[in-house]
Amino acid sequence: MKSTRILMAMLAIIALPTLGMAQKFAYVDSDYIMSKIPTFKSAQEQVDKLSEQYQKEVEERYAQVEKMYNDYQTEKVLLTEDMRRKKEDEIIKKEREVKELQMKYFGPEGQVFKKREELVKPIQEQVYNAIKEIATEGGYAIIFDAADGGSMIYTNSRYDKSDEVLQKLGYK
């Protein structure tokens, strides 16, 4: 009985400070916000266009490798061991070059990534800073992102600050 009172007293001491400090939460939809920013749409279109261009080039090079391989398969029976090895080495070298090109364009430090960083990241930073200002001004502890099904089961539109972010950025 005495230990129960001590336990209750300890819980009260721990819980009292948090009872008076209700946390404020809000959410934004970053996809909605980005869709309303013309410079983001333009930047995304440029990145997509560049990506398509590079993808086409890579696919053409892979088609060349495949043609080399098919030609080799057709000729293989007529070639000497030395000639076969030489052709196989050529095919392997060409395939390696295409993979390197693909990494150059689409890898973690590739040209598409760098272009996205150059064009999209500054816009994302502006949006983040606007959200941060709204959180600070409104006293929000957390602002969630509802974009891409941000695992929010229910949201009340009263707490949606997406339009407020757009206004802070100068968009309607």
N, C-alpha and C. Protein backbone atom coordinates (compact mmCIF):
# COMPACT_ATOMS: atom_id res chain seq x y z
N MET A 1 0.83 -1.18 0.00
CA MET A 1 0.00 0.00 0.00
C MET A 1 0.87 1.24 0.00
N LYS A 2 1.88 1.25 0.87
CA LYS A 2 2.79 2.38 0.96
C LYS A 2 3.55 2.53 -0.36
N SER A 3 3.96 1.41 -0.96
CA SER A 3 4.69 1.47 -2.23
C SER A 3 3.79 1.98 -3.35
N THR A 4 2.50 1.69 -3.28
CA THR A 4 1.56 2.19 -4.28
C THR A 4 1.46 3.70 -4.20
N ARG A 5 1.39 4.27 -2.98
CA ARG A 5 1.34 5.73 -2.80
C ARG A 5 2.61 6.39 -3.30
N ILE A 6 3.73 5.77 -3.03
CA ILE A 6 5.02 6.32 -3.49
C ILE A 6 5.05 6.31 -5.02
N LEU A 7 4.59 5.21 -5.61
CA LEU A 7 4.55 5.10 -7.06
C LEU A 7 3.62 6.15 -7.65
N MET A 8 2.45 6.33 -7.05
CA MET A 8 1.49 7.34 -7.52
C MET A 8 2.08 8.74 -7.39
N ALA A 9 2.75 9.03 -6.31
CA ALA A 9 3.37 10.34 -6.10
C ALA A 9 4.45 10.58 -7.15
N MET A 10 5.24 9.55 -7.45
CA MET A 10 6.29 9.70 -8.46
C MET A 10 5.68 9.95 -9.84
N LEU A 11 4.61 9.24 -10.16
CA LEU A 11 3.93 9.45 -11.44
C LEU A 11 3.36 10.85 -11.53
N ALA A 12 2.79 11.35 -10.45
CA ALA A 12 2.23 12.70 -10.43
C ALA A 12 3.32 13.73 -10.64
N ILE A 13 4.46 13.53 -10.01
CA ILE A 13 5.57 14.47 -10.16
C ILE A 13 6.06 14.48 -11.62
N ILE A 14 6.11 13.32 -12.23
CA ILE A 14 6.56 13.22 -13.63
C ILE A 14 5.51 13.80 -14.57
N ALA A 15 4.23 13.53 -14.31
CA ALA A 15 3.17 13.91 -15.23
C ALA A 15 2.76 15.37 -15.10
N LEU A 16 2.87 15.98 -13.93
CA LEU A 16 2.40 17.36 -13.74
C LEU A 16 3.00 18.37 -14.71
N PRO A 17 4.29 18.38 -14.93
CA PRO A 17 4.83 19.37 -15.85
C PRO A 17 4.30 19.24 -17.27
N THR A 18 4.00 18.02 -17.71
CA THR A 18 3.54 17.84 -19.09
C THR A 18 2.05 18.13 -19.24
N LEU A 19 1.29 18.10 -18.15
CA LEU A 19 -0.15 18.36 -18.26
C LEU A 19 -0.43 19.80 -18.66
N GLY A 20 0.34 20.72 -18.16
CA GLY A 20 0.12 22.12 -18.46
C GLY A 20 0.69 22.54 -19.81
N MET A 21 1.44 21.69 -20.45
CA MET A 21 2.07 22.06 -21.71
C MET A 21 1.50 21.23 -22.86
N ALA A 22 0.32 21.58 -23.31
CA ALA A 22 -0.26 20.88 -24.44
C ALA A 22 0.51 21.25 -25.71
N GLN A 23 0.83 20.27 -26.48
CA GLN A 23 1.58 20.49 -27.71
C GLN A 23 0.62 20.84 -28.84
N LYS A 24 1.05 21.76 -29.71
CA LYS A 24 0.25 22.11 -30.87
C LYS A 24 0.84 21.42 -32.09
N PHE A 25 -0.05 20.85 -32.89
CA PHE A 25 0.36 20.15 -34.10
C PHE A 25 -0.38 20.73 -35.28
N ALA A 26 0.24 20.65 -36.45
CA ALA A 26 -0.40 21.05 -37.70
C ALA A 26 0.19 20.17 -38.79
N TYR A 27 -0.32 20.35 -40.00
CA TYR A 27 0.25 19.60 -41.10
C TYR A 27 0.23 20.44 -42.37
N VAL A 28 1.05 20.05 -43.31
CA VAL A 28 1.07 20.67 -44.63
C VAL A 28 1.09 19.53 -45.66
N ASP A 29 0.76 19.86 -46.88
CA ASP A 29 0.86 18.91 -47.98
C ASP A 29 1.90 19.47 -48.94
N SER A 30 3.12 18.99 -48.84
CA SER A 30 4.22 19.56 -49.64
C SER A 30 3.99 19.36 -51.14
N ASP A 31 3.32 18.28 -51.54
CA ASP A 31 3.01 18.09 -52.97
C ASP A 31 2.08 19.19 -53.45
N TYR A 32 1.06 19.49 -52.65
CA TYR A 32 0.13 20.56 -52.99
C TYR A 32 0.85 21.90 -53.08
N ILE A 33 1.71 22.16 -52.10
CA ILE A 33 2.46 23.43 -52.08
C ILE A 33 3.33 23.54 -53.32
N MET A 34 4.09 22.49 -53.60
CA MET A 34 5.00 22.53 -54.77
C MET A 34 4.23 22.68 -56.07
N SER A 35 3.05 22.08 -56.15
CA SER A 35 2.26 22.17 -57.39
C SER A 35 1.76 23.59 -57.65
N LYS A 36 1.74 24.41 -56.62
CA LYS A 36 1.27 25.80 -56.77
C LYS A 36 2.42 26.78 -57.03
N ILE A 37 3.64 26.29 -57.05
CA ILE A 37 4.81 27.16 -57.26
C ILE A 37 5.30 26.96 -58.69
N PRO A 38 5.10 27.96 -59.56
CA PRO A 38 5.48 27.83 -60.98
C PRO A 38 6.96 27.51 -61.19
N THR A 39 7.84 28.09 -60.39
CA THR A 39 9.27 27.82 -60.58
C THR A 39 9.60 26.37 -60.27
N PHE A 40 8.87 25.76 -59.35
CA PHE A 40 9.10 24.34 -59.05
C PHE A 40 8.68 23.49 -60.23
N LYS A 41 7.51 23.80 -60.80
CA LYS A 41 7.03 23.05 -61.96
C LYS A 41 8.05 23.13 -63.10
N SER A 42 8.55 24.33 -63.34
CA SER A 42 9.52 24.54 -64.40
C SER A 42 10.81 23.78 -64.12
N ALA A 43 11.28 23.85 -62.90
CA ALA A 43 12.52 23.14 -62.52
C ALA A 43 12.33 21.63 -62.68
N GLN A 44 11.19 21.13 -62.24
CA GLN A 44 10.92 19.70 -62.33
C GLN A 44 10.84 19.27 -63.79
N GLU A 45 10.24 20.09 -64.64
CA GLU A 45 10.17 19.78 -66.07
C GLU A 45 11.57 19.72 -66.69
N GLN A 46 12.45 20.64 -66.30
CA GLN A 46 13.82 20.64 -66.82
C GLN A 46 14.56 19.37 -66.40
N VAL A 47 14.39 18.99 -65.15
CA VAL A 47 15.05 17.78 -64.65
C VAL A 47 14.49 16.55 -65.37
N ASP A 48 13.18 16.49 -65.54
CA ASP A 48 12.55 15.36 -66.22
C ASP A 48 13.02 15.27 -67.68
N LYS A 49 13.11 16.42 -68.34
CA LYS A 49 13.55 16.44 -69.74
C LYS A 49 14.99 15.93 -69.85
N LEU A 50 15.85 16.40 -68.97
CA LEU A 50 17.24 15.96 -68.95
C LEU A 50 17.33 14.46 -68.68
N SER A 51 16.54 14.00 -67.74
CA SER A 51 16.52 12.58 -67.39
C SER A 51 16.08 11.73 -68.58
N GLU A 52 15.04 12.17 -69.28
CA GLU A 52 14.56 11.45 -70.47
C GLU A 52 15.63 11.40 -71.55
N GLN A 53 16.32 12.52 -71.76
CA GLN A 53 17.38 12.60 -72.76
C GLN A 53 18.49 11.59 -72.43
N TYR A 54 18.93 11.59 -71.18
CA TYR A 54 19.98 10.67 -70.75
C TYR A 54 19.51 9.22 -70.84
N GLN A 55 18.27 8.97 -70.44
CA GLN A 55 17.73 7.61 -70.48
C GLN A 55 17.72 7.09 -71.92
N LYS A 56 17.33 7.94 -72.85
CA LYS A 56 17.30 7.55 -74.26
C LYS A 56 18.71 7.18 -74.73
N GLU A 57 19.69 8.01 -74.36
CA GLU A 57 21.07 7.73 -74.75
C GLU A 57 21.57 6.41 -74.18
N VAL A 58 21.28 6.16 -72.92
CA VAL A 58 21.71 4.92 -72.28
C VAL A 58 21.04 3.72 -72.95
N GLU A 59 19.76 3.83 -73.24
CA GLU A 59 19.04 2.73 -73.90
C GLU A 59 19.61 2.45 -75.28
N GLU A 60 19.97 3.51 -76.02
CA GLU A 60 20.58 3.32 -77.34
C GLU A 60 21.91 2.59 -77.23
N ARG A 61 22.69 2.95 -76.23
CA ARG A 61 24.00 2.29 -76.03
C ARG A 61 23.81 0.82 -75.63
N TYR A 62 22.81 0.55 -74.79
CA TYR A 62 22.55 -0.84 -74.42
C TYR A 62 22.09 -1.64 -75.65
N ALA A 63 21.33 -0.99 -76.54
CA ALA A 63 20.90 -1.66 -77.77
C ALA A 63 22.11 -2.01 -78.64
N GLN A 64 23.10 -1.13 -78.66
CA GLN A 64 24.33 -1.41 -79.41
C GLN A 64 25.05 -2.63 -78.82
N VAL A 65 25.12 -2.68 -77.50
CA VAL A 65 25.76 -3.82 -76.83
C VAL A 65 25.00 -5.10 -77.16
N GLU A 66 23.69 -5.04 -77.11
CA GLU A 66 22.88 -6.21 -77.41
C GLU A 66 23.09 -6.66 -78.86
N LYS A 67 23.18 -5.71 -79.78
CA LYS A 67 23.44 -6.05 -81.19
C LYS A 67 24.81 -6.70 -81.33
N MET A 68 25.81 -6.14 -80.63
CA MET A 68 27.15 -6.74 -80.67
C MET A 68 27.09 -8.18 -80.17
N TYR A 69 26.35 -8.41 -79.10
CA TYR A 69 26.25 -9.75 -78.52
C TYR A 69 25.53 -10.70 -79.49
N ASN A 70 24.43 -10.24 -80.08
CA ASN A 70 23.69 -11.09 -81.02
C ASN A 70 24.54 -11.41 -82.25
N ASP A 71 25.27 -10.43 -82.75
CA ASP A 71 26.17 -10.67 -83.88
C ASP A 71 27.23 -11.70 -83.50
N TYR A 72 27.74 -11.54 -82.31
CA TYR A 72 28.76 -12.48 -81.81
C TYR A 72 28.20 -13.90 -81.74
N GLN A 73 26.99 -14.04 -81.24
CA GLN A 73 26.36 -15.36 -81.12
C GLN A 73 26.20 -16.00 -82.50
N THR A 74 25.89 -15.19 -83.50
CA THR A 74 25.71 -15.70 -84.85
C THR A 74 27.04 -16.15 -85.44
N GLU A 75 28.10 -15.37 -85.21
CA GLU A 75 29.41 -15.63 -85.80
C GLU A 75 30.25 -16.61 -84.99
N LYS A 76 29.90 -16.82 -83.77
CA LYS A 76 30.74 -17.53 -82.80
C LYS A 76 31.31 -18.85 -83.33
N VAL A 77 30.51 -19.63 -84.01
CA VAL A 77 30.97 -20.93 -84.48
C VAL A 77 32.06 -20.82 -85.54
N LEU A 78 32.10 -19.68 -86.22
CA LEU A 78 33.07 -19.49 -87.29
C LEU A 78 34.39 -18.87 -86.80
N LEU A 79 34.40 -18.42 -85.56
CA LEU A 79 35.57 -17.71 -85.04
C LEU A 79 36.55 -18.65 -84.34
N THR A 80 37.81 -18.25 -84.40
CA THR A 80 38.82 -18.99 -83.64
C THR A 80 38.69 -18.62 -82.17
N GLU A 81 39.34 -19.39 -81.31
CA GLU A 81 39.29 -19.13 -79.86
C GLU A 81 39.78 -17.72 -79.55
N ASP A 82 40.86 -17.32 -80.20
CA ASP A 82 41.42 -15.98 -80.00
C ASP A 82 40.43 -14.89 -80.43
N MET A 83 39.81 -15.08 -81.57
CA MET A 83 38.85 -14.09 -82.08
C MET A 83 37.63 -14.02 -81.16
N ARG A 84 37.19 -15.19 -80.65
CA ARG A 84 36.04 -15.21 -79.73
C ARG A 84 36.35 -14.42 -78.47
N ARG A 85 37.53 -14.69 -77.91
CA ARG A 85 37.92 -13.98 -76.69
C ARG A 85 37.98 -12.47 -76.94
N LYS A 86 38.51 -12.09 -78.08
CA LYS A 86 38.63 -10.67 -78.43
C LYS A 86 37.23 -10.03 -78.54
N LYS A 87 36.32 -10.72 -79.22
CA LYS A 87 34.94 -10.20 -79.36
C LYS A 87 34.25 -10.12 -77.99
N GLU A 88 34.42 -11.13 -77.16
CA GLU A 88 33.82 -11.14 -75.83
C GLU A 88 34.35 -9.97 -75.00
N ASP A 89 35.65 -9.75 -75.09
CA ASP A 89 36.27 -8.62 -74.37
C ASP A 89 35.70 -7.29 -74.84
N GLU A 90 35.49 -7.16 -76.16
CA GLU A 90 34.92 -5.93 -76.72
C GLU A 90 33.51 -5.70 -76.18
N ILE A 91 32.73 -6.76 -76.14
CA ILE A 91 31.35 -6.66 -75.65
C ILE A 91 31.35 -6.29 -74.17
N ILE A 92 32.19 -6.94 -73.40
CA ILE A 92 32.27 -6.65 -71.96
C ILE A 92 32.71 -5.21 -71.73
N LYS A 93 33.70 -4.77 -72.50
CA LYS A 93 34.20 -3.40 -72.37
C LYS A 93 33.09 -2.40 -72.70
N LYS A 94 32.38 -2.65 -73.79
CA LYS A 94 31.30 -1.75 -74.21
C LYS A 94 30.19 -1.71 -73.16
N GLU A 95 29.85 -2.87 -72.60
CA GLU A 95 28.82 -2.92 -71.58
C GLU A 95 29.25 -2.16 -70.33
N ARG A 96 30.50 -2.30 -69.95
CA ARG A 96 31.05 -1.58 -68.79
C ARG A 96 30.98 -0.07 -69.02
N GLU A 97 31.30 0.37 -70.24
CA GLU A 97 31.24 1.79 -70.59
C GLU A 97 29.81 2.33 -70.44
N VAL A 98 28.85 1.53 -70.88
CA VAL A 98 27.44 1.95 -70.78
C VAL A 98 27.01 2.05 -69.32
N LYS A 99 27.44 1.10 -68.51
CA LYS A 99 27.10 1.13 -67.08
C LYS A 99 27.73 2.35 -66.40
N GLU A 100 28.96 2.66 -66.80
CA GLU A 100 29.63 3.84 -66.25
C GLU A 100 28.89 5.11 -66.66
N LEU A 101 28.45 5.16 -67.91
CA LEU A 101 27.69 6.31 -68.39
C LEU A 101 26.38 6.44 -67.61
N GLN A 102 25.73 5.31 -67.38
CA GLN A 102 24.48 5.31 -66.62
C GLN A 102 24.71 5.85 -65.21
N MET A 103 25.79 5.45 -64.57
CA MET A 103 26.12 5.97 -63.23
C MET A 103 26.45 7.46 -63.29
N LYS A 104 27.13 7.86 -64.34
CA LYS A 104 27.48 9.28 -64.50
C LYS A 104 26.22 10.14 -64.59
N TYR A 105 25.21 9.62 -65.24
CA TYR A 105 23.96 10.36 -65.40
C TYR A 105 23.02 10.20 -64.21
N PHE A 106 22.84 8.95 -63.74
CA PHE A 106 21.78 8.66 -62.78
C PHE A 106 22.25 8.23 -61.39
N GLY A 107 23.54 8.14 -61.19
CA GLY A 107 24.06 7.70 -59.90
C GLY A 107 23.84 8.71 -58.80
N PRO A 108 24.23 8.37 -57.58
CA PRO A 108 24.04 9.25 -56.42
C PRO A 108 24.71 10.62 -56.57
N GLU A 109 25.76 10.69 -57.34
CA GLU A 109 26.42 11.96 -57.61
C GLU A 109 26.33 12.29 -59.10
N GLY A 110 25.34 11.72 -59.76
CA GLY A 110 25.18 11.88 -61.21
C GLY A 110 24.66 13.24 -61.61
N GLN A 111 24.65 13.46 -62.92
CA GLN A 111 24.25 14.75 -63.46
C GLN A 111 22.79 15.08 -63.20
N VAL A 112 21.91 14.08 -63.21
CA VAL A 112 20.49 14.33 -62.92
C VAL A 112 20.34 14.77 -61.47
N PHE A 113 21.04 14.10 -60.57
CA PHE A 113 20.99 14.47 -59.15
C PHE A 113 21.50 15.90 -58.96
N LYS A 114 22.61 16.22 -59.61
CA LYS A 114 23.19 17.56 -59.47
C LYS A 114 22.25 18.62 -60.03
N LYS A 115 21.60 18.33 -61.14
CA LYS A 115 20.66 19.28 -61.74
C LYS A 115 19.47 19.49 -60.81
N ARG A 116 18.99 18.40 -60.22
CA ARG A 116 17.87 18.51 -59.27
C ARG A 116 18.29 19.36 -58.07
N GLU A 117 19.49 19.12 -57.57
CA GLU A 117 20.02 19.91 -56.45
C GLU A 117 20.08 21.40 -56.82
N GLU A 118 20.53 21.66 -58.03
CA GLU A 118 20.69 23.04 -58.49
C GLU A 118 19.34 23.75 -58.65
N LEU A 119 18.36 23.06 -59.20
CA LEU A 119 17.09 23.71 -59.53
C LEU A 119 16.00 23.55 -58.46
N VAL A 120 15.90 22.39 -57.87
CA VAL A 120 14.77 22.08 -56.97
C VAL A 120 15.09 22.39 -55.51
N LYS A 121 16.29 22.08 -55.09
CA LYS A 121 16.64 22.23 -53.68
C LYS A 121 16.41 23.65 -53.14
N PRO A 122 16.78 24.72 -53.88
CA PRO A 122 16.52 26.07 -53.34
C PRO A 122 15.03 26.33 -53.08
N ILE A 123 14.18 25.80 -53.94
CA ILE A 123 12.73 25.97 -53.76
C ILE A 123 12.27 25.20 -52.53
N GLN A 124 12.78 23.98 -52.37
CA GLN A 124 12.42 23.18 -51.20
C GLN A 124 12.89 23.87 -49.92
N GLU A 125 14.04 24.49 -49.97
CA GLU A 125 14.54 25.21 -48.79
C GLU A 125 13.66 26.41 -48.45
N GLN A 126 13.17 27.12 -49.47
CA GLN A 126 12.25 28.24 -49.23
C GLN A 126 10.98 27.74 -48.56
N VAL A 127 10.44 26.63 -49.04
CA VAL A 127 9.23 26.05 -48.46
C VAL A 127 9.50 25.64 -47.02
N TYR A 128 10.62 24.98 -46.78
CA TYR A 128 10.98 24.56 -45.43
C TYR A 128 11.08 25.77 -44.50
N ASN A 129 11.73 26.83 -44.96
CA ASN A 129 11.88 28.03 -44.12
C ASN A 129 10.53 28.67 -43.82
N ALA A 130 9.62 28.67 -44.80
CA ALA A 130 8.28 29.22 -44.57
C ALA A 130 7.53 28.37 -43.54
N ILE A 131 7.66 27.06 -43.64
CA ILE A 131 7.02 26.16 -42.67
C ILE A 131 7.60 26.40 -41.29
N LYS A 132 8.89 26.56 -41.22
CA LYS A 132 9.57 26.80 -39.95
C LYS A 132 9.08 28.11 -39.32
N GLU A 133 8.92 29.15 -40.14
CA GLU A 133 8.40 30.43 -39.63
C GLU A 133 6.99 30.27 -39.08
N ILE A 134 6.15 29.57 -39.82
CA ILE A 134 4.76 29.35 -39.38
C ILE A 134 4.74 28.56 -38.08
N ALA A 135 5.61 27.56 -37.97
CA ALA A 135 5.69 26.77 -36.75
C ALA A 135 6.11 27.64 -35.57
N THR A 136 7.09 28.48 -35.81
CA THR A 136 7.59 29.35 -34.74
C THR A 136 6.53 30.38 -34.34
N GLU A 137 5.95 31.05 -35.32
CA GLU A 137 4.94 32.07 -35.06
C GLU A 137 3.69 31.49 -34.40
N GLY A 138 3.30 30.28 -34.84
CA GLY A 138 2.08 29.67 -34.32
C GLY A 138 2.29 28.83 -33.07
N GLY A 139 3.53 28.67 -32.68
CA GLY A 139 3.83 27.87 -31.49
C GLY A 139 3.58 26.39 -31.69
N TYR A 140 3.78 25.90 -32.91
CA TYR A 140 3.56 24.48 -33.19
C TYR A 140 4.80 23.68 -32.82
N ALA A 141 4.59 22.58 -32.13
CA ALA A 141 5.69 21.70 -31.75
C ALA A 141 6.11 20.86 -32.96
N ILE A 142 5.13 20.43 -33.74
CA ILE A 142 5.40 19.58 -34.89
C ILE A 142 4.46 19.96 -36.02
N ILE A 143 5.02 19.99 -37.23
CA ILE A 143 4.20 20.12 -38.44
C ILE A 143 4.52 18.91 -39.30
N PHE A 144 3.50 18.10 -39.53
CA PHE A 144 3.64 16.89 -40.33
C PHE A 144 3.49 17.20 -41.81
N ASP A 145 3.99 16.32 -42.65
CA ASP A 145 3.80 16.44 -44.10
C ASP A 145 2.85 15.33 -44.52
N ALA A 146 1.70 15.70 -45.08
CA ALA A 146 0.69 14.74 -45.48
C ALA A 146 0.91 14.24 -46.91
N ALA A 147 1.94 14.72 -47.59
CA ALA A 147 2.20 14.32 -48.97
C ALA A 147 2.57 12.85 -49.04
N ASP A 148 2.29 12.25 -50.19
CA ASP A 148 2.62 10.86 -50.44
C ASP A 148 2.12 9.92 -49.35
N GLY A 149 0.93 10.17 -48.88
CA GLY A 149 0.33 9.29 -47.88
C GLY A 149 1.15 9.23 -46.60
N GLY A 150 1.59 10.36 -46.12
CA GLY A 150 2.46 10.47 -44.95
C GLY A 150 1.95 9.72 -43.73
N SER A 151 1.28 8.62 -43.91
CA SER A 151 0.73 7.76 -42.88
C SER A 151 -0.08 8.53 -41.84
N MET A 152 -0.86 9.46 -42.31
CA MET A 152 -1.79 10.19 -41.44
C MET A 152 -3.18 9.62 -41.72
N ILE A 153 -3.75 9.01 -40.73
CA ILE A 153 -5.02 8.33 -40.90
C ILE A 153 -6.18 9.32 -41.03
N TYR A 154 -6.14 10.36 -40.25
CA TYR A 154 -7.20 11.37 -40.30
C TYR A 154 -6.56 12.74 -40.13
N THR A 155 -7.05 13.70 -40.91
CA THR A 155 -6.59 15.08 -40.74
C THR A 155 -7.80 16.01 -40.78
N ASN A 156 -7.78 16.98 -39.93
CA ASN A 156 -8.82 18.00 -39.92
C ASN A 156 -8.26 19.19 -40.69
N SER A 157 -8.96 19.61 -41.73
CA SER A 157 -8.45 20.68 -42.60
C SER A 157 -8.19 21.98 -41.83
N ARG A 158 -8.77 22.11 -40.66
CA ARG A 158 -8.54 23.30 -39.82
C ARG A 158 -7.05 23.44 -39.46
N TYR A 159 -6.35 22.31 -39.42
CA TYR A 159 -4.94 22.33 -39.04
C TYR A 159 -4.00 22.26 -40.24
N ASP A 160 -4.57 22.35 -41.44
CA ASP A 160 -3.76 22.33 -42.66
C ASP A 160 -3.18 23.72 -42.89
N LYS A 161 -1.88 23.82 -42.89
CA LYS A 161 -1.19 25.11 -43.03
C LYS A 161 -0.57 25.28 -44.42
N SER A 162 -0.96 24.44 -45.37
CA SER A 162 -0.39 24.49 -46.72
C SER A 162 -0.61 25.84 -47.39
N ASP A 163 -1.84 26.35 -47.34
CA ASP A 163 -2.12 27.65 -47.96
C ASP A 163 -1.39 28.78 -47.25
N GLU A 164 -1.23 28.65 -45.96
CA GLU A 164 -0.48 29.64 -45.20
C GLU A 164 0.99 29.68 -45.64
N VAL A 165 1.54 28.52 -45.92
CA VAL A 165 2.92 28.44 -46.42
C VAL A 165 3.01 29.13 -47.77
N LEU A 166 2.05 28.85 -48.65
CA LEU A 166 2.04 29.48 -49.97
C LEU A 166 1.95 31.01 -49.85
N GLN A 167 1.10 31.49 -48.94
CA GLN A 167 0.98 32.93 -48.73
C GLN A 167 2.29 33.51 -48.24
N LYS A 168 2.95 32.82 -47.34
CA LYS A 168 4.22 33.28 -46.80
C LYS A 168 5.27 33.36 -47.90
N LEU A 169 5.14 32.48 -48.90
CA LEU A 169 6.07 32.48 -50.04
C LEU A 169 5.66 33.47 -51.14
N GLY A 170 4.49 34.08 -50.98
CA GLY A 170 4.02 35.08 -51.94
C GLY A 170 3.15 34.52 -53.05
N TYR A 171 2.59 33.32 -52.85
CA TYR A 171 1.69 32.72 -53.83
C TYR A 171 0.29 32.67 -53.26
N LYS A 172 -0.69 32.66 -54.16
CA LYS A 172 -2.08 32.60 -53.71
C LYS A 172 -2.61 31.21 -53.81
